[in-house]
Amino acid sequence: MLGLDLQKTKTCFEIGKRTLYKYTSLKYLQDALEYGVYAAKLDQVNDPYEGHDIEYMDKYRVVCLTGSDKAMLLWAYYVQHRGCCIEYYTPDDYSRVIHKVGYTDSFFNRREMNGAEIIESLYHKGKEWEHENEFRAVYYETRDGKKDYWRRIGDRVFFQLKIKSITFGVLSHEDQMYFDSLRLINKLANDGNPGIEIKKLIKSNDRYQLILDKQYDIQHELEHAFLFAGRLAEGKRAVR
């Protein structure tokens, strides 16, 4: 289709990938819980070639997901180990929209492409990005605006996927929004939205690797936050 040495990318369904991951800061966790996966504008992503030579760039959005949930570099790049990694289900009817990104050394000129060809090109990136193991859904305003995959709120667009789990990073407890995030998740569970597994990573003591904290418990964390807030309030009263 593109007249280049690029193979058509495989869909999530073809690969058999049933869940995918999104790294996000705690600042945007509430949006993810309420609205879905944020679809970024092409000038909001970290590859400067994403919107290169696309005339009406604002019509396109990309949802960037990955098949890797414990990748040290991705934790560092996107959330500095302070955010979280959200795991999403990719059911069959949605997974055909999500394609595995194809990585290539070829460079292509989008000025000569039509809309469908531009969409296909957005499922490709340079070889240097291959370690991100990325999967994508591409939104095009006139093509996908009426489909159930997407939700538009003002100028923002969200991809509708169900959350399976949320994993907090090694340093997430140092983020000022950590306890607020736990309270929000707990409130959703109490309001009849249970089923999201909550986890946290720690550093392994015998190898250079991030592992799950098997003792982690969200209720214990919330109790700790309550006690800490009480002590802080007592300290302020004592100062007065």
Protein backbone atom coordinates (compact mmCIF):
# COMPACT_ATOMS: atom_id res chain seq x y z
CA MET A 1 0.00 0.00 0.00
CA LEU A 2 2.79 2.42 0.88
CA GLY A 3 5.11 1.35 -1.89
CA LEU A 4 7.81 0.77 0.73
CA ASP A 5 9.57 -2.19 2.27
CA LEU A 6 6.99 -2.37 5.09
CA GLN A 7 4.93 -5.40 6.03
CA LYS A 8 1.33 -4.84 7.08
CA THR A 9 1.27 -4.75 10.86
CA LYS A 10 -0.42 -7.56 12.76
CA THR A 11 -3.40 -6.89 14.97
CA CYS A 12 -3.66 -7.78 18.63
CA PHE A 13 -6.17 -10.47 17.68
CA GLU A 14 -3.77 -12.07 15.19
CA ILE A 15 -0.92 -12.11 17.71
CA GLY A 16 -3.15 -13.47 20.48
CA LYS A 17 -2.33 -10.67 22.93
CA ARG A 18 -5.21 -10.47 25.41
CA THR A 19 -3.94 -7.67 27.68
CA LEU A 20 -1.76 -4.61 27.09
CA TYR A 21 -0.22 -1.94 29.31
CA LYS A 22 -0.10 1.84 29.61
CA TYR A 23 2.41 3.75 31.76
CA THR A 24 0.93 6.92 33.19
CA SER A 25 1.59 9.46 35.92
CA LEU A 26 -0.67 9.50 38.97
CA LYS A 27 -1.82 12.94 37.88
CA TYR A 28 -3.70 11.35 34.96
CA LEU A 29 -4.84 8.16 36.70
CA GLN A 30 -8.28 9.57 37.49
CA ASP A 31 -8.88 10.34 33.79
CA ALA A 32 -7.87 6.78 32.92
CA LEU A 33 -10.28 5.35 35.49
CA GLU A 34 -13.20 7.56 34.46
CA TYR A 35 -12.79 8.03 30.71
CA GLY A 36 -10.41 5.45 29.22
CA VAL A 37 -6.99 5.45 27.55
CA TYR A 38 -5.92 8.90 26.43
CA ALA A 39 -5.39 9.26 22.69
CA ALA A 40 -2.48 11.67 22.25
CA LYS A 41 -2.18 14.31 19.58
CA LEU A 42 0.77 13.72 17.28
CA ASP A 43 2.67 16.68 18.71
CA GLN A 44 2.30 15.28 22.25
CA VAL A 45 4.28 12.07 21.74
CA ASN A 46 8.03 11.78 22.16
CA ASP A 47 8.96 10.80 18.59
CA PRO A 48 9.41 14.05 16.59
CA TYR A 49 8.66 12.20 13.33
CA GLU A 50 5.10 11.20 14.31
CA GLY A 51 3.45 14.22 12.69
CA HIS A 52 6.13 14.82 10.06
CA ASP A 53 4.64 15.90 6.71
CA ILE A 54 1.00 15.43 7.85
CA GLU A 55 -0.97 18.48 6.75
CA TYR A 56 -4.04 18.13 8.98
CA MET A 57 -2.26 16.73 12.01
CA ASP A 58 -5.03 17.60 14.47
CA LYS A 59 -7.36 15.02 12.87
CA TYR A 60 -5.16 12.12 14.02
CA ARG A 61 -4.61 10.71 17.52
CA VAL A 62 -2.63 7.70 18.68
CA VAL A 63 -3.15 5.40 21.65
CA CYS A 64 0.25 4.10 22.71
CA LEU A 65 0.29 0.80 24.63
CA THR A 66 2.96 -1.80 25.26
CA GLY A 67 3.26 -5.54 25.80
CA SER A 68 5.77 -5.01 28.63
CA ASP A 69 4.79 -4.20 32.21
CA LYS A 70 8.12 -4.51 34.05
CA ALA A 71 10.42 -2.84 31.53
CA MET A 72 12.91 -0.78 33.55
CA LEU A 73 13.47 1.74 30.75
CA LEU A 74 9.77 2.34 30.14
CA TRP A 75 9.18 2.93 33.84
CA ALA A 76 12.01 5.47 33.75
CA TYR A 77 11.01 7.17 30.47
CA TYR A 78 7.35 7.73 31.11
CA VAL A 79 6.76 7.90 34.87
CA GLN A 80 10.22 8.03 36.50
CA HIS A 81 9.13 5.00 38.59
CA ARG A 82 6.67 7.27 40.47
CA GLY A 83 3.56 6.61 38.40
CA CYS A 84 1.72 3.42 37.56
CA CYS A 85 1.24 0.87 34.81
CA ILE A 86 -2.37 0.10 33.88
CA GLU A 87 -3.19 -3.30 32.38
CA TYR A 88 -6.12 -3.33 29.94
CA TYR A 89 -8.17 -6.19 28.53
CA THR A 90 -8.15 -6.32 24.72
CA PRO A 91 -11.33 -8.25 23.79
CA ASP A 92 -11.65 -9.64 20.30
CA ASP A 93 -13.91 -6.91 18.92
CA TYR A 94 -11.48 -4.18 20.04
CA SER A 95 -8.20 -5.96 19.50
CA ARG A 96 -8.58 -5.84 15.72
CA VAL A 97 -8.22 -2.06 16.01
CA ILE A 98 -4.94 -2.38 17.93
CA HIS A 99 -1.89 -3.26 15.86
CA LYS A 100 1.63 -4.21 16.84
CA VAL A 101 3.90 -1.36 15.77
CA GLY A 102 6.21 -2.26 12.91
CA TYR A 103 9.80 -1.00 13.28
CA THR A 104 11.75 -0.11 10.16
CA ASP A 105 14.87 1.62 8.86
CA SER A 106 12.89 2.90 5.88
CA PHE A 107 11.88 6.55 5.77
CA PHE A 108 8.64 7.48 4.04
CA ASN A 109 7.34 10.77 2.72
CA ARG A 110 3.78 11.35 3.91
CA ARG A 111 3.26 14.29 1.58
CA GLU A 112 2.41 11.82 -1.16
CA MET A 113 0.00 9.74 0.97
CA ASN A 114 -3.76 9.78 1.26
CA GLY A 115 -5.60 9.48 4.59
CA ALA A 116 -5.67 5.67 4.68
CA GLU A 117 -1.95 5.49 3.90
CA ILE A 118 -1.15 8.00 6.63
CA ILE A 119 -3.08 5.88 9.14
CA GLU A 120 -1.08 2.81 8.11
CA SER A 121 2.17 4.76 8.39
CA LEU A 122 1.30 5.72 11.99
CA TYR A 123 1.56 2.04 12.88
CA HIS A 124 5.27 2.21 12.00
CA LYS A 125 8.25 3.74 13.79
CA GLY A 126 12.03 3.82 13.45
CA LYS A 127 14.11 0.84 14.64
CA GLU A 128 15.49 2.82 17.59
CA TRP A 129 12.06 2.55 19.30
CA GLU A 130 11.84 -1.24 19.00
CA HIS A 131 12.63 -1.86 22.68
CA GLU A 132 9.28 -0.26 23.61
CA ASN A 133 7.35 -3.26 22.22
CA GLU A 134 4.52 -0.90 21.29
CA PHE A 135 0.95 -1.60 20.23
CA ARG A 136 -1.28 1.15 18.85
CA ALA A 137 -4.79 2.24 18.01
CA VAL A 138 -5.03 5.15 15.58
CA TYR A 139 -7.93 7.60 15.68
CA TYR A 140 -8.90 9.57 12.59
CA GLU A 141 -11.66 12.10 13.12
CA THR A 142 -13.84 11.29 10.11
CA ARG A 143 -13.16 7.56 10.12
CA ASP A 144 -13.67 6.56 13.75
CA GLY A 145 -15.77 9.34 15.22
CA LYS A 146 -18.99 7.29 15.23
CA LYS A 147 -17.54 4.04 16.56
CA ASP A 148 -17.91 2.76 20.10
CA TYR A 149 -14.14 2.44 20.51
CA TRP A 150 -13.74 6.16 21.20
CA ARG A 151 -15.10 8.74 23.61
CA ARG A 152 -14.64 12.44 22.96
CA ILE A 153 -14.69 14.95 25.83
CA GLY A 154 -14.16 18.48 24.55
CA ASP A 155 -10.89 18.43 22.64
CA ARG A 156 -9.72 15.20 24.26
CA VAL A 157 -10.24 11.70 22.87
CA PHE A 158 -10.20 8.46 24.90
CA PHE A 159 -10.04 4.83 23.78
CA GLN A 160 -12.54 2.64 25.62
CA LEU A 161 -10.86 -0.37 27.25
CA LYS A 162 -11.60 -2.15 30.52
CA ILE A 163 -8.93 -2.10 33.25
CA LYS A 164 -7.68 -5.43 34.58
CA SER A 165 -4.98 -4.24 37.01
CA ILE A 166 -2.99 -1.22 38.19
CA THR A 167 0.66 -1.61 39.24
CA PHE A 168 2.32 1.21 41.16
CA GLY A 169 5.99 1.96 40.53
CA VAL A 170 8.88 1.45 42.92
CA LEU A 171 8.88 5.15 43.93
CA SER A 172 5.15 5.82 43.58
CA HIS A 173 4.70 6.18 47.35
CA GLU A 174 6.92 9.29 47.14
CA ASP A 175 4.47 11.01 44.78
CA GLN A 176 2.15 13.47 46.51
CA MET A 177 -0.83 11.97 44.66
CA TYR A 178 -0.15 8.37 45.73
CA PHE A 179 -2.63 8.21 48.62
CA ASP A 180 -5.24 10.20 46.67
CA SER A 181 -4.93 7.59 43.92
CA LEU A 182 -5.47 4.75 46.39
CA ARG A 183 -8.52 6.48 47.86
CA LEU A 184 -9.99 6.95 44.39
CA ILE A 185 -9.49 3.28 43.50
CA ASN A 186 -10.96 2.20 46.84
CA LYS A 187 -13.99 4.48 46.33
CA LEU A 188 -14.65 3.01 42.89
CA ALA A 189 -14.52 -0.49 44.40
CA ASN A 190 -16.95 0.50 47.15
CA ASP A 191 -19.29 2.12 44.59
CA GLY A 192 -19.79 -1.17 42.80
CA ASN A 193 -16.78 -1.27 40.46
CA PRO A 194 -14.71 -4.08 41.97
CA GLY A 195 -12.35 -6.40 40.15
CA ILE A 196 -9.31 -4.20 39.49
CA GLU A 197 -6.22 -5.86 40.92
CA ILE A 198 -3.86 -3.42 42.68
CA LYS A 199 -0.14 -4.20 42.80
CA LYS A 200 3.16 -2.50 43.53
CA LEU A 201 6.70 -3.10 42.33
CA ILE A 202 9.82 -3.33 44.47
CA LYS A 203 13.49 -3.82 43.61
CA SER A 204 14.80 -7.37 43.67
CA ASN A 205 17.57 -8.00 46.21
CA ASP A 206 19.40 -10.64 44.15
CA ARG A 207 19.16 -9.45 40.54
CA TYR A 208 18.78 -6.23 38.55
CA GLN A 209 15.03 -6.52 38.10
CA LEU A 210 11.69 -5.10 39.21
CA ILE A 211 9.43 -7.61 40.95
CA LEU A 212 5.97 -7.57 42.53
CA ASP A 213 5.68 -6.85 46.25
CA LYS A 214 3.80 -9.94 47.43
CA GLN A 215 2.99 -8.31 50.79
CA TYR A 216 1.41 -5.21 49.26
CA ASP A 217 -2.13 -4.47 50.45
CA ILE A 218 -4.14 -1.38 49.50
CA GLN A 219 -6.17 -1.37 52.73
CA HIS A 220 -3.00 -1.42 54.82
CA GLU A 221 -1.65 1.47 52.73
CA LEU A 222 -4.83 3.49 53.33
CA GLU A 223 -4.66 2.82 57.07
CA HIS A 224 -1.07 4.03 57.04
CA ALA A 225 -2.14 7.21 55.23
CA PHE A 226 -4.91 7.83 57.80
CA LEU A 227 -2.49 7.44 60.72
CA PHE A 228 0.10 9.66 59.04
CA ALA A 229 -2.50 12.39 58.39
CA GLY A 230 -3.58 12.23 62.04
CA ARG A 231 -0.03 12.61 63.32
CA LEU A 232 0.58 15.50 60.94
CA ALA A 233 -2.54 17.29 62.22
CA GLU A 234 -1.47 16.75 65.83
CA GLY A 235 1.96 18.19 65.04
CA LYS A 236 0.41 21.34 63.53
CA ARG A 237 -1.82 21.83 66.58
CA ALA A 238 1.19 21.45 68.88
CA VAL A 239 3.09 24.14 66.97
CA ARG A 240 0.21 26.57 67.43
